[in-house]
Amino acid sequence: MVNMIKGSACNFLKVSETLIGKYMSPSSNVALVKKLMHDILSQDYVGDVSIVPERRMMSSLKLVSPNTFEEIAELMREGERQTWPRMEMIRISSQISRTLDGILGRAGEDGHSGY
């Protein structure tokens, strides 16, 4: 479901690119926000462990505004609050990842693909 929504949003942004380019300056606020949203949505987020903050409602203007030092400090504290309860899971995931990397590395040295 999330991939479908993300894909739809990316397609909408691609289509809107024609209209924005035709009727607005590339440096307009609308064009800049569209580019930022496209850049965010087109990224692939991959990792062994994902730590995400609690969901909060915020204005779209806030997403493209610089954070204050206090806001950055609060985001860091929130990251810590979300991380500490997951430390054992992170340790185990990291150990598994290192083990698999070692196995794949040895398989590559032997001339085998590892599969």
PDB file of N, CA and C in Angstrom:
ATOM      1  N   MET A   1       0.823  -1.189   0.000  1.00  0.00           N
ATOM      2  CA  MET A   1       0.000   0.000   0.000  1.00  0.00           C
ATOM      3  C   MET A   1       0.875   1.265   0.000  1.00  0.00           C
ATOM      4  N   VAL A   2       1.904   1.243   0.862  1.00  0.00           N
ATOM      5  CA  VAL A   2       2.797   2.406   0.944  1.00  0.00           C
ATOM      6  C   VAL A   2       3.516   2.610  -0.386  1.00  0.00           C
ATOM      7  N   ASN A   3       3.971   1.513  -1.006  1.00  0.00           N
ATOM      8  CA  ASN A   3       4.659   1.631  -2.298  1.00  0.00           C
ATOM      9  C   ASN A   3       3.734   2.190  -3.366  1.00  0.00           C
ATOM     10  N   MET A   4       2.460   1.806  -3.322  1.00  0.00           N
ATOM     11  CA  MET A   4       1.503   2.318  -4.301  1.00  0.00           C
ATOM     12  C   MET A   4       1.314   3.826  -4.122  1.00  0.00           C
ATOM     13  N   ILE A   5       1.182   4.265  -2.885  1.00  0.00           N
ATOM     14  CA  ILE A   5       1.010   5.696  -2.612  1.00  0.00           C
ATOM     15  C   ILE A   5       2.265   6.469  -3.034  1.00  0.00           C
ATOM     16  N   LYS A   6       3.428   5.919  -2.678  1.00  0.00           N
ATOM     17  CA  LYS A   6       4.695   6.570  -3.038  1.00  0.00           C
ATOM     18  C   LYS A   6       4.829   6.658  -4.563  1.00  0.00           C
ATOM     19  N   GLY A   7       4.502   5.567  -5.262  1.00  0.00           N
ATOM     20  CA  GLY A   7       4.575   5.556  -6.719  1.00  0.00           C
ATOM     21  C   GLY A   7       3.622   6.561  -7.348  1.00  0.00           C
ATOM     22  N   SER A   8       2.407   6.634  -6.804  1.00  0.00           N
ATOM     23  CA  SER A   8       1.426   7.603  -7.319  1.00  0.00           C
ATOM     24  C   SER A   8       1.917   9.032  -7.121  1.00  0.00           C
ATOM     25  N   ALA A   9       2.483   9.302  -5.937  1.00  0.00           N
ATOM     26  CA  ALA A   9       2.995  10.648  -5.656  1.00  0.00           C
ATOM     27  C   ALA A   9       4.143  10.988  -6.609  1.00  0.00           C
ATOM     28  N   CYS A  10       5.039  10.043  -6.863  1.00  0.00           N
ATOM     29  CA  CYS A  10       6.156  10.288  -7.786  1.00  0.00           C
ATOM     30  C   CYS A  10       5.642  10.558  -9.194  1.00  0.00           C
ATOM     31  N   ASN A  11       4.657   9.777  -9.629  1.00  0.00           N
ATOM     32  CA  ASN A  11       4.084  10.001 -10.963  1.00  0.00           C
ATOM     33  C   ASN A  11       3.409  11.363 -11.053  1.00  0.00           C
ATOM     34  N   PHE A  12       2.691  11.748 -10.012  1.00  0.00           N
ATOM     35  CA  PHE A  12       2.048  13.064  -9.984  1.00  0.00           C
ATOM     36  C   PHE A  12       3.105  14.163 -10.101  1.00  0.00           C
ATOM     37  N   LEU A  13       4.201  14.011  -9.376  1.00  0.00           N
ATOM     38  CA  LEU A  13       5.258  15.023  -9.420  1.00  0.00           C
ATOM     39  C   LEU A  13       5.898  15.093 -10.811  1.00  0.00           C
ATOM     40  N   LYS A  14       6.055  13.940 -11.461  1.00  0.00           N
ATOM     41  CA  LYS A  14       6.619  13.939 -12.821  1.00  0.00           C
ATOM     42  C   LYS A  14       5.698  14.674 -13.790  1.00  0.00           C
ATOM     43  N   VAL A  15       4.398  14.411 -13.685  1.00  0.00           N
ATOM     44  CA  VAL A  15       3.429  15.078 -14.559  1.00  0.00           C
ATOM     45  C   VAL A  15       3.390  16.575 -14.266  1.00  0.00           C
ATOM     46  N   SER A  16       3.450  16.930 -12.987  1.00  0.00           N
ATOM     47  CA  SER A  16       3.384  18.349 -12.628  1.00  0.00           C
ATOM     48  C   SER A  16       4.622  19.104 -13.098  1.00  0.00           C
ATOM     49  N   GLU A  17       5.714  18.379 -13.325  1.00  0.00           N
ATOM     50  CA  GLU A  17       6.950  19.010 -13.779  1.00  0.00           C
ATOM     51  C   GLU A  17       6.737  19.767 -15.100  1.00  0.00           C
ATOM     52  N   THR A  18       5.941  19.199 -15.983  1.00  0.00           N
ATOM     53  CA  THR A  18       5.652  19.849 -17.264  1.00  0.00           C
ATOM     54  C   THR A  18       4.931  21.166 -17.055  1.00  0.00           C
ATOM     55  N   LEU A  19       3.917  21.129 -16.201  1.00  0.00           N
ATOM     56  CA  LEU A  19       3.151  22.354 -15.942  1.00  0.00           C
ATOM     57  C   LEU A  19       3.984  23.401 -15.229  1.00  0.00           C
ATOM     58  N   ILE A  20       4.739  22.971 -14.249  1.00  0.00           N
ATOM     59  CA  ILE A  20       5.564  23.916 -13.489  1.00  0.00           C
ATOM     60  C   ILE A  20       6.606  24.541 -14.412  1.00  0.00           C
ATOM     61  N   GLY A  21       7.243  23.710 -15.247  1.00  0.00           N
ATOM     62  CA  GLY A  21       8.249  24.224 -16.174  1.00  0.00           C
ATOM     63  C   GLY A  21       7.672  25.169 -17.208  1.00  0.00           C
ATOM     64  N   LYS A  22       6.428  24.942 -17.576  1.00  0.00           N
ATOM     65  CA  LYS A  22       5.795  25.745 -18.607  1.00  0.00           C
ATOM     66  C   LYS A  22       5.321  27.093 -18.079  1.00  0.00           C
ATOM     67  N   TYR A  23       4.815  27.121 -16.840  1.00  0.00           N
ATOM     68  CA  TYR A  23       4.168  28.323 -16.326  1.00  0.00           C
ATOM     69  C   TYR A  23       4.886  29.001 -15.164  1.00  0.00           C
ATOM     70  N   MET A  24       5.932  28.383 -14.626  1.00  0.00           N
ATOM     71  CA  MET A  24       6.597  28.974 -13.458  1.00  0.00           C
ATOM     72  C   MET A  24       8.102  28.957 -13.624  1.00  0.00           C
ATOM     73  N   SER A  25       8.727  29.876 -12.953  1.00  0.00           N
ATOM     74  CA  SER A  25      10.184  29.938 -12.929  1.00  0.00           C
ATOM     75  C   SER A  25      10.719  28.745 -12.133  1.00  0.00           C
ATOM     76  N   PRO A  26      11.850  28.170 -12.547  1.00  0.00           N
ATOM     77  CA  PRO A  26      12.437  27.054 -11.798  1.00  0.00           C
ATOM     78  C   PRO A  26      12.814  27.432 -10.367  1.00  0.00           C
ATOM     79  N   SER A  27      12.960  28.722 -10.094  1.00  0.00           N
ATOM     80  CA  SER A  27      13.325  29.153  -8.744  1.00  0.00           C
ATOM     81  C   SER A  27      12.109  29.539  -7.907  1.00  0.00           C
ATOM     82  N   SER A  28      10.892  29.332  -8.441  1.00  0.00           N
ATOM     83  CA  SER A  28       9.700  29.664  -7.655  1.00  0.00           C
ATOM     84  C   SER A  28       9.556  28.714  -6.480  1.00  0.00           C
ATOM     85  N   ASN A  29       8.841  29.144  -5.450  1.00  0.00           N
ATOM     86  CA  ASN A  29       8.641  28.316  -4.268  1.00  0.00           C
ATOM     87  C   ASN A  29       7.969  26.989  -4.614  1.00  0.00           C
ATOM     88  N   VAL A  30       6.983  27.035  -5.508  1.00  0.00           N
ATOM     89  CA  VAL A  30       6.271  25.811  -5.895  1.00  0.00           C
ATOM     90  C   VAL A  30       7.244  24.834  -6.562  1.00  0.00           C
ATOM     91  N   ALA A  31       8.085  25.334  -7.453  1.00  0.00           N
ATOM     92  CA  ALA A  31       9.046  24.478  -8.149  1.00  0.00           C
ATOM     93  C   ALA A  31      10.053  23.891  -7.157  1.00  0.00           C
ATOM     94  N   LEU A  32      10.491  24.700  -6.203  1.00  0.00           N
ATOM     95  CA  LEU A  32      11.459  24.209  -5.210  1.00  0.00           C
ATOM     96  C   LEU A  32      10.847  23.137  -4.313  1.00  0.00           C
ATOM     97  N   VAL A  33       9.607  23.343  -3.876  1.00  0.00           N
ATOM     98  CA  VAL A  33       8.933  22.354  -3.035  1.00  0.00           C
ATOM     99  C   VAL A  33       8.705  21.070  -3.826  1.00  0.00           C
ATOM    100  N   LYS A  34       8.307  21.196  -5.089  1.00  0.00           N
ATOM    101  CA  LYS A  34       8.101  20.012  -5.932  1.00  0.00           C
ATOM    102  C   LYS A  34       9.399  19.224  -6.080  1.00  0.00           C
ATOM    103  N   LYS A  35      10.509  19.919  -6.293  1.00  0.00           N
ATOM    104  CA  LYS A  35      11.796  19.234  -6.431  1.00  0.00           C
ATOM    105  C   LYS A  35      12.182  18.537  -5.131  1.00  0.00           C
ATOM    106  N   LEU A  36      11.988  19.204  -4.005  1.00  0.00           N
ATOM    107  CA  LEU A  36      12.307  18.603  -2.717  1.00  0.00           C
ATOM    108  C   LEU A  36      11.474  17.346  -2.481  1.00  0.00           C
ATOM    109  N   MET A  37      10.181  17.428  -2.749  1.00  0.00           N
ATOM    110  CA  MET A  37       9.302  16.275  -2.551  1.00  0.00           C
ATOM    111  C   MET A  37       9.696  15.131  -3.485  1.00  0.00           C
ATOM    112  N   HIS A  38      10.029  15.449  -4.728  1.00  0.00           N
ATOM    113  CA  HIS A  38      10.463  14.414  -5.663  1.00  0.00           C
ATOM    114  C   HIS A  38      11.741  13.748  -5.175  1.00  0.00           C
ATOM    115  N   ASP A  39      12.699  14.551  -4.700  1.00  0.00           N
ATOM    116  CA  ASP A  39      13.961  14.006  -4.201  1.00  0.00           C
ATOM    117  C   ASP A  39      13.733  13.083  -3.003  1.00  0.00           C
ATOM    118  N   ILE A  40      12.845  13.483  -2.103  1.00  0.00           N
ATOM    119  CA  ILE A  40      12.553  12.665  -0.918  1.00  0.00           C
ATOM    120  C   ILE A  40      11.864  11.362  -1.323  1.00  0.00           C
ATOM    121  N   LEU A  41      10.853  11.459  -2.168  1.00  0.00           N
ATOM    122  CA  LEU A  41      10.074  10.280  -2.545  1.00  0.00           C
ATOM    123  C   LEU A  41      10.854   9.311  -3.430  1.00  0.00           C
ATOM    124  N   SER A  42      11.818   9.800  -4.191  1.00  0.00           N
ATOM    125  CA  SER A  42      12.533   8.920  -5.113  1.00  0.00           C
ATOM    126  C   SER A  42      13.712   8.202  -4.454  1.00  0.00           C
ATOM    127  N   GLN A  43      14.021   8.518  -3.198  1.00  0.00           N
ATOM    128  CA  GLN A  43      15.105   7.842  -2.503  1.00  0.00           C
ATOM    129  C   GLN A  43      14.678   6.443  -2.088  1.00  0.00           C
ATOM    130  N   ASP A  44      15.614   5.510  -2.122  1.00  0.00           N
ATOM    131  CA  ASP A  44      15.385   4.183  -1.564  1.00  0.00           C
ATOM    132  C   ASP A  44      16.003   4.155  -0.173  1.00  0.00           C
ATOM    133  N   TYR A  45      15.179   3.834   0.792  1.00  0.00           N
ATOM    134  CA  TYR A  45      15.643   3.761   2.168  1.00  0.00           C
ATOM    135  C   TYR A  45      15.848   2.300   2.515  1.00  0.00           C
ATOM    136  N   VAL A  46      17.105   1.899   2.644  1.00  0.00           N
ATOM    137  CA  VAL A  46      17.424   0.510   2.916  1.00  0.00           C
ATOM    138  C   VAL A  46      18.412   0.477   4.070  1.00  0.00           C
ATOM    139  N   GLY A  47      18.174  -0.435   4.996  1.00  0.00           N
ATOM    140  CA  GLY A  47      19.097  -0.595   6.100  1.00  0.00           C
ATOM    141  C   GLY A  47      18.728  -1.810   6.917  1.00  0.00           C
ATOM    142  N   ASP A  48      19.666  -2.246   7.738  1.00  0.00           N
ATOM    143  CA  ASP A  48      19.403  -3.379   8.615  1.00  0.00           C
ATOM    144  C   ASP A  48      18.444  -2.988   9.732  1.00  0.00           C
ATOM    145  N   VAL A  49      18.578  -1.763  10.213  1.00  0.00           N
ATOM    146  CA  VAL A  49      17.756  -1.285  11.322  1.00  0.00           C
ATOM    147  C   VAL A  49      17.268   0.109  10.974  1.00  0.00           C
ATOM    148  N   SER A  50      15.993   0.334  11.153  1.00  0.00           N
ATOM    149  CA  SER A  50      15.435   1.666  10.915  1.00  0.00           C
ATOM    150  C   SER A  50      14.890   2.219  12.223  1.00  0.00           C
ATOM    151  N   ILE A  51      15.365   3.376  12.603  1.00  0.00           N
ATOM    152  CA  ILE A  51      14.880   4.070  13.795  1.00  0.00           C
ATOM    153  C   ILE A  51      14.139   5.293  13.293  1.00  0.00           C
ATOM    154  N   VAL A  52      12.871   5.382  13.587  1.00  0.00           N
ATOM    155  CA  VAL A  52      12.066   6.506  13.112  1.00  0.00           C
ATOM    156  C   VAL A  52      11.428   7.213  14.296  1.00  0.00           C
ATOM    157  N   PRO A  53      11.284   8.531  14.213  1.00  0.00           N
ATOM    158  CA  PRO A  53      10.649   9.268  15.311  1.00  0.00           C
ATOM    159  C   PRO A  53       9.153   8.987  15.352  1.00  0.00           C
ATOM    160  N   GLU A  54       8.553   9.333  16.486  1.00  0.00           N
ATOM    161  CA  GLU A  54       7.102   9.224  16.577  1.00  0.00           C
ATOM    162  C   GLU A  54       6.498  10.134  15.519  1.00  0.00           C
ATOM    163  N   ARG A  55       5.351   9.728  15.002  1.00  0.00           N
ATOM    164  CA  ARG A  55       4.692  10.544  13.972  1.00  0.00           C
ATOM    165  C   ARG A  55       4.094  11.787  14.610  1.00  0.00           C
ATOM    166  N   ARG A  56       4.317  12.888  13.915  1.00  0.00           N
ATOM    167  CA  ARG A  56       3.774  14.170  14.356  1.00  0.00           C
ATOM    168  C   ARG A  56       3.244  14.912  13.158  1.00  0.00           C
ATOM    169  N   MET A  57       2.217  15.670  13.377  1.00  0.00           N
ATOM    170  CA  MET A  57       1.707  16.522  12.310  1.00  0.00           C
ATOM    171  C   MET A  57       2.575  17.773  12.256  1.00  0.00           C
ATOM    172  N   MET A  58       2.963  18.169  11.067  1.00  0.00           N
ATOM    173  CA  MET A  58       3.705  19.417  10.932  1.00  0.00           C
ATOM    174  C   MET A  58       3.344  20.049   9.601  1.00  0.00           C
ATOM    175  N   SER A  59       3.518  21.315   9.548  1.00  0.00           N
ATOM    176  CA  SER A  59       3.156  22.026   8.319  1.00  0.00           C
ATOM    177  C   SER A  59       4.167  21.710   7.221  1.00  0.00           C
ATOM    178  N   SER A  60       3.703  21.730   5.983  1.00  0.00           N
ATOM    179  CA  SER A  60       4.596  21.464   4.858  1.00  0.00           C
ATOM    180  C   SER A  60       5.674  22.544   4.747  1.00  0.00           C
ATOM    181  N   LEU A  61       5.362  23.743   5.202  1.00  0.00           N
ATOM    182  CA  LEU A  61       6.353  24.815   5.182  1.00  0.00           C
ATOM    183  C   LEU A  61       7.511  24.492   6.132  1.00  0.00           C
ATOM    184  N   LYS A  62       7.198  23.846   7.256  1.00  0.00           N
ATOM    185  CA  LYS A  62       8.219  23.493   8.231  1.00  0.00           C
ATOM    186  C   LYS A  62       9.202  22.471   7.658  1.00  0.00           C
ATOM    187  N   LEU A  63       8.715  21.614   6.744  1.00  0.00           N
ATOM    188  CA  LEU A  63       9.580  20.596   6.151  1.00  0.00           C
ATOM    189  C   LEU A  63      10.716  21.200   5.337  1.00  0.00           C
ATOM    190  N   VAL A  64      10.502  22.374   4.762  1.00  0.00           N
ATOM    191  CA  VAL A  64      11.523  22.985   3.913  1.00  0.00           C
ATOM    192  C   VAL A  64      12.217  24.157   4.598  1.00  0.00           C
ATOM    193  N   SER A  65      11.920  24.368   5.880  1.00  0.00           N
ATOM    194  CA  SER A  65      12.545  25.453   6.637  1.00  0.00           C
ATOM    195  C   SER A  65      13.699  24.902   7.457  1.00  0.00           C
ATOM    196  N   PRO A  66      14.724  25.706   7.673  1.00  0.00           N
ATOM    197  CA  PRO A  66      15.825  25.230   8.526  1.00  0.00           C
ATOM    198  C   PRO A  66      15.367  25.089   9.970  1.00  0.00           C
ATOM    199  N   ASN A  67      15.912  24.082  10.654  1.00  0.00           N
ATOM    200  CA  ASN A  67      15.582  23.866  12.065  1.00  0.00           C
ATOM    201  C   ASN A  67      16.428  24.758  12.960  1.00  0.00           C
ATOM    202  N   THR A  68      15.869  25.111  14.115  1.00  0.00           N
ATOM    203  CA  THR A  68      16.632  25.850  15.121  1.00  0.00           C
ATOM    204  C   THR A  68      17.523  24.850  15.865  1.00  0.00           C
ATOM    205  N   PHE A  69      18.476  25.355  16.615  1.00  0.00           N
ATOM    206  CA  PHE A  69      19.335  24.482  17.413  1.00  0.00           C
ATOM    207  C   PHE A  69      18.498  23.693  18.421  1.00  0.00           C
ATOM    208  N   GLU A  70      17.480  24.328  18.984  1.00  0.00           N
ATOM    209  CA  GLU A  70      16.609  23.639  19.948  1.00  0.00           C
ATOM    210  C   GLU A  70      15.846  22.502  19.273  1.00  0.00           C
ATOM    211  N   GLU A  71      15.362  22.727  18.043  1.00  0.00           N
ATOM    212  CA  GLU A  71      14.640  21.679  17.321  1.00  0.00           C
ATOM    213  C   GLU A  71      15.564  20.515  16.968  1.00  0.00           C
ATOM    214  N   ILE A  72      16.789  20.828  16.583  1.00  0.00           N
ATOM    215  CA  ILE A  72      17.762  19.774  16.276  1.00  0.00           C
ATOM    216  C   ILE A  72      18.068  18.969  17.531  1.00  0.00           C
ATOM    217  N   ALA A  73      18.259  19.655  18.666  1.00  0.00           N
ATOM    218  CA  ALA A  73      18.526  18.961  19.920  1.00  0.00           C
ATOM    219  C   ALA A  73      17.356  18.052  20.298  1.00  0.00           C
ATOM    220  N   GLU A  74      16.126  18.504  20.100  1.00  0.00           N
ATOM    221  CA  GLU A  74      14.952  17.688  20.407  1.00  0.00           C
ATOM    222  C   GLU A  74      14.869  16.481  19.477  1.00  0.00           C
ATOM    223  N   LEU A  75      15.187  16.655  18.194  1.00  0.00           N
ATOM    224  CA  LEU A  75      15.213  15.527  17.265  1.00  0.00           C
ATOM    225  C   LEU A  75      16.256  14.488  17.687  1.00  0.00           C
ATOM    226  N   MET A  76      17.401  14.961  18.168  1.00  0.00           N
ATOM    227  CA  MET A  76      18.438  14.045  18.645  1.00  0.00           C
ATOM    228  C   MET A  76      17.960  13.288  19.884  1.00  0.00           C
ATOM    229  N   ARG A  77      17.319  13.983  20.809  1.00  0.00           N
ATOM    230  CA  ARG A  77      16.784  13.317  22.012  1.00  0.00           C
ATOM    231  C   ARG A  77      15.727  12.282  21.629  1.00  0.00           C
ATOM    232  N   GLU A  78      14.879  12.628  20.650  1.00  0.00           N
ATOM    233  CA  GLU A  78      13.853  11.696  20.185  1.00  0.00           C
ATOM    234  C   GLU A  78      14.498  10.460  19.561  1.00  0.00           C
ATOM    235  N   GLY A  79      15.559  10.657  18.798  1.00  0.00           N
ATOM    236  CA  GLY A  79      16.296   9.524  18.231  1.00  0.00           C
ATOM    237  C   GLY A  79      16.856   8.621  19.318  1.00  0.00           C
ATOM    238  N   GLU A  80      17.399   9.219  20.366  1.00  0.00           N
ATOM    239  CA  GLU A  80      17.917   8.430  21.483  1.00  0.00           C
ATOM    240  C   GLU A  80      16.793   7.655  22.168  1.00  0.00           C
ATOM    241  N   ARG A  81      15.654   8.315  22.402  1.00  0.00           N
ATOM    242  CA  ARG A  81      14.515   7.637  23.053  1.00  0.00           C
ATOM    243  C   ARG A  81      14.023   6.452  22.228  1.00  0.00           C
ATOM    244  N   GLN A  82      14.073   6.575  20.908  1.00  0.00           N
ATOM    245  CA  GLN A  82      13.629   5.484  20.048  1.00  0.00           C
ATOM    246  C   GLN A  82      14.689   4.384  19.925  1.00  0.00           C
ATOM    247  N   THR A  83      15.960   4.731  20.129  1.00  0.00           N
ATOM    248  CA  THR A  83      17.052   3.777  19.944  1.00  0.00           C
ATOM    249  C   THR A  83      17.298   2.901  21.159  1.00  0.00           C
ATOM    250  N   TRP A  84      17.341   3.481  22.351  1.00  0.00           N
ATOM    251  CA  TRP A  84      17.718   2.721  23.549  1.00  0.00           C
ATOM    252  C   TRP A  84      16.913   1.445  23.746  1.00  0.00           C
ATOM    253  N   PRO A  85      15.602   1.438  23.581  1.00  0.00           N
ATOM    254  CA  PRO A  85      14.863   0.178  23.772  1.00  0.00           C
ATOM    255  C   PRO A  85      15.185  -0.883  22.715  1.00  0.00           C
ATOM    256  N   ARG A  86      15.853  -0.504  21.643  1.00  0.00           N
ATOM    257  CA  ARG A  86      16.138  -1.424  20.541  1.00  0.00           C
ATOM    258  C   ARG A  86      17.616  -1.830  20.467  1.00  0.00           C
ATOM    259  N   MET A  87      18.391  -1.518  21.483  1.00  0.00           N
ATOM    260  CA  MET A  87      19.834  -1.764  21.434  1.00  0.00           C
ATOM    261  C   MET A  87      20.164  -3.248  21.230  1.00  0.00           C
ATOM    262  N   GLU A  88      19.467  -4.153  21.892  1.00  0.00           N
ATOM    263  CA  GLU A  88      19.753  -5.578  21.737  1.00  0.00           C
ATOM    264  C   GLU A  88      19.432  -6.031  20.306  1.00  0.00           C
ATOM    265  N   MET A  89      18.327  -5.565  19.756  1.00  0.00           N
ATOM    266  CA  MET A  89      17.971  -5.898  18.380  1.00  0.00           C
ATOM    267  C   MET A  89      19.046  -5.372  17.420  1.00  0.00           C
ATOM    268  N   ILE A  90      19.544  -4.166  17.668  1.00  0.00           N
ATOM    269  CA  ILE A  90      20.588  -3.579  16.823  1.00  0.00           C
ATOM    270  C   ILE A  90      21.870  -4.402  16.920  1.00  0.00           C
ATOM    271  N   ARG A  91      22.222  -4.825  18.145  1.00  0.00           N
ATOM    272  CA  ARG A  91      23.430  -5.633  18.339  1.00  0.00           C
ATOM    273  C   ARG A  91      23.328  -6.946  17.572  1.00  0.00           C
ATOM    274  N   ILE A  92      22.199  -7.637  17.689  1.00  0.00           N
ATOM    275  CA  ILE A  92      22.015  -8.921  17.016  1.00  0.00           C
ATOM    276  C   ILE A  92      21.996  -8.734  15.502  1.00  0.00           C
ATOM    277  N   SER A  93      21.278  -7.722  15.013  1.00  0.00           N
ATOM    278  CA  SER A  93      21.224  -7.465  13.560  1.00  0.00           C
ATOM    279  C   SER A  93      22.607  -7.156  13.013  1.00  0.00           C
ATOM    280  N   SER A  94      23.387  -6.385  13.735  1.00  0.00           N
ATOM    281  CA  SER A  94      24.742  -6.045  13.296  1.00  0.00           C
ATOM    282  C   SER A  94      25.629  -7.284  13.262  1.00  0.00           C
ATOM    283  N   GLN A  95      25.475  -8.147  14.257  1.00  0.00           N
ATOM    284  CA  GLN A  95      26.268  -9.376  14.304  1.00  0.00           C
ATOM    285  C   GLN A  95      25.909 -10.287  13.121  1.00  0.00           C
ATOM    286  N   ILE A  96      24.633 -10.420  12.831  1.00  0.00           N
ATOM    287  CA  ILE A  96      24.196 -11.225  11.687  1.00  0.00           C
ATOM    288  C   ILE A  96      24.750 -10.644  10.391  1.00  0.00           C
ATOM    289  N   SER A  97      24.667  -9.325  10.234  1.00  0.00           N
ATOM    290  CA  SER A  97      25.156  -8.661   9.027  1.00  0.00           C
ATOM    291  C   SER A  97      26.650  -8.882   8.841  1.00  0.00           C
ATOM    292  N   ARG A  98      27.421  -8.734   9.924  1.00  0.00           N
ATOM    293  CA  ARG A  98      28.869  -8.950   9.825  1.00  0.00           C
ATOM    294  C   ARG A  98      29.181 -10.400   9.464  1.00  0.00           C
ATOM    295  N   THR A  99      28.433 -11.345  10.037  1.00  0.00           N
ATOM    296  CA  THR A  99      28.632 -12.763   9.730  1.00  0.00           C
ATOM    297  C   THR A  99      28.348 -13.039   8.260  1.00  0.00           C
ATOM    298  N   LEU A 100      27.226 -12.526   7.752  1.00  0.00           N
ATOM    299  CA  LEU A 100      26.896 -12.726   6.345  1.00  0.00           C
ATOM    300  C   LEU A 100      27.924 -12.073   5.428  1.00  0.00           C
ATOM    301  N   ASP A 101      28.398 -10.876   5.777  1.00  0.00           N
ATOM    302  CA  ASP A 101      29.439 -10.217   4.981  1.00  0.00           C
ATOM    303  C   ASP A 101      30.702 -11.072   4.929  1.00  0.00           C
ATOM    304  N   GLY A 102      31.055 -11.675   6.075  1.00  0.00           N
ATOM    305  CA  GLY A 102      32.232 -12.546   6.118  1.00  0.00           C
ATOM    306  C   GLY A 102      32.066 -13.772   5.248  1.00  0.00           C
ATOM    307  N   ILE A 103      30.876 -14.391   5.298  1.00  0.00           N
ATOM    308  CA  ILE A 103      30.605 -15.572   4.472  1.00  0.00           C
ATOM    309  C   ILE A 103      30.681 -15.208   2.991  1.00  0.00           C
ATOM    310  N   LEU A 104      30.039 -14.106   2.608  1.00  0.00           N
ATOM    311  CA  LEU A 104      30.059 -13.681   1.207  1.00  0.00           C
ATOM    312  C   LEU A 104      31.464 -13.298   0.764  1.00  0.00           C
ATOM    313  N   GLY A 105      32.243 -12.695   1.656  1.00  0.00           N
ATOM    314  CA  GLY A 105      33.622 -12.337   1.332  1.00  0.00           C
ATOM    315  C   GLY A 105      34.478 -13.568   1.087  1.00  0.00           C
ATOM    316  N   ARG A 106      34.314 -14.593   1.935  1.00  0.00           N
ATOM    317  CA  ARG A 106      35.076 -15.836   1.750  1.00  0.00           C
ATOM    318  C   ARG A 106      34.646 -16.544   0.465  1.00  0.00           C
ATOM    319  N   ALA A 107      33.352 -16.527   0.160  1.00  0.00           N
ATOM    320  CA  ALA A 107      32.856 -17.172  -1.056  1.00  0.00           C
ATOM    321  C   ALA A 107      33.436 -16.467  -2.285  1.00  0.00           C
ATOM    322  N   GLY A 108      33.550 -15.151  -2.231  1.00  0.00           N
ATOM    323  CA  GLY A 108      34.118 -14.400  -3.348  1.00  0.00           C
ATOM    324  C   GLY A 108      35.596 -14.693  -3.551  1.00  0.00           C
ATOM    325  N   GLU A 109      36.318 -14.932  -2.455  1.00  0.00           N
ATOM    326  CA  GLU A 109      37.744 -15.256  -2.533  1.00  0.00           C
ATOM    327  C   GLU A 109      37.964 -16.611  -3.186  1.00  0.00           C
ATOM    328  N   ASP A 110      37.013 -17.527  -2.979  1.00  0.00           N
ATOM    329  CA  ASP A 110      37.119 -18.868  -3.548  1.00  0.00           C
ATOM    330  C   ASP A 110      36.692 -18.906  -5.015  1.00  0.00           C
ATOM    331  N   GLY A 111      36.235 -17.793  -5.532  1.00  0.00           N
ATOM    332  CA  GLY A 111      35.782 -17.762  -6.916  1.00  0.00           C
ATOM    333  C   GLY A 111      34.324 -18.181  -7.069  1.00  0.00           C
ATOM    334  N   HIS A 112      33.650 -18.365  -5.957  1.00  0.00           N
ATOM    335  CA  HIS A 112      32.234 -18.730  -6.004  1.00  0.00           C
ATOM    336  C   HIS A 112      31.392 -17.491  -5.746  1.00  0.00           C
ATOM    337  N   SER A 113      30.208 -17.482  -6.288  1.00  0.00           N
ATOM    338  CA  SER A 113      29.328 -16.315  -6.110  1.00  0.00           C
ATOM    339  C   SER A 113      28.706 -16.303  -4.741  1.00  0.00           C
ATOM    340  N   GLY A 114      28.697 -17.417  -4.014  1.00  0.00           N
ATOM    341  CA  GLY A 114      28.064 -17.466  -2.696  1.00  0.00           C
ATOM    342  C   GLY A 114      26.621 -17.910  -2.768  1.00  0.00           C
ATOM    343  N   TYR A 115      26.145 -18.212  -3.980  1.00  0.00           N
ATOM    344  CA  TYR A 115      24.745 -18.646  -4.128  1.00  0.00           C
ATOM    345  C   TYR A 115      24.710 -20.052  -4.674  1.00  0.00           C
TER     346      TYR A 115
END
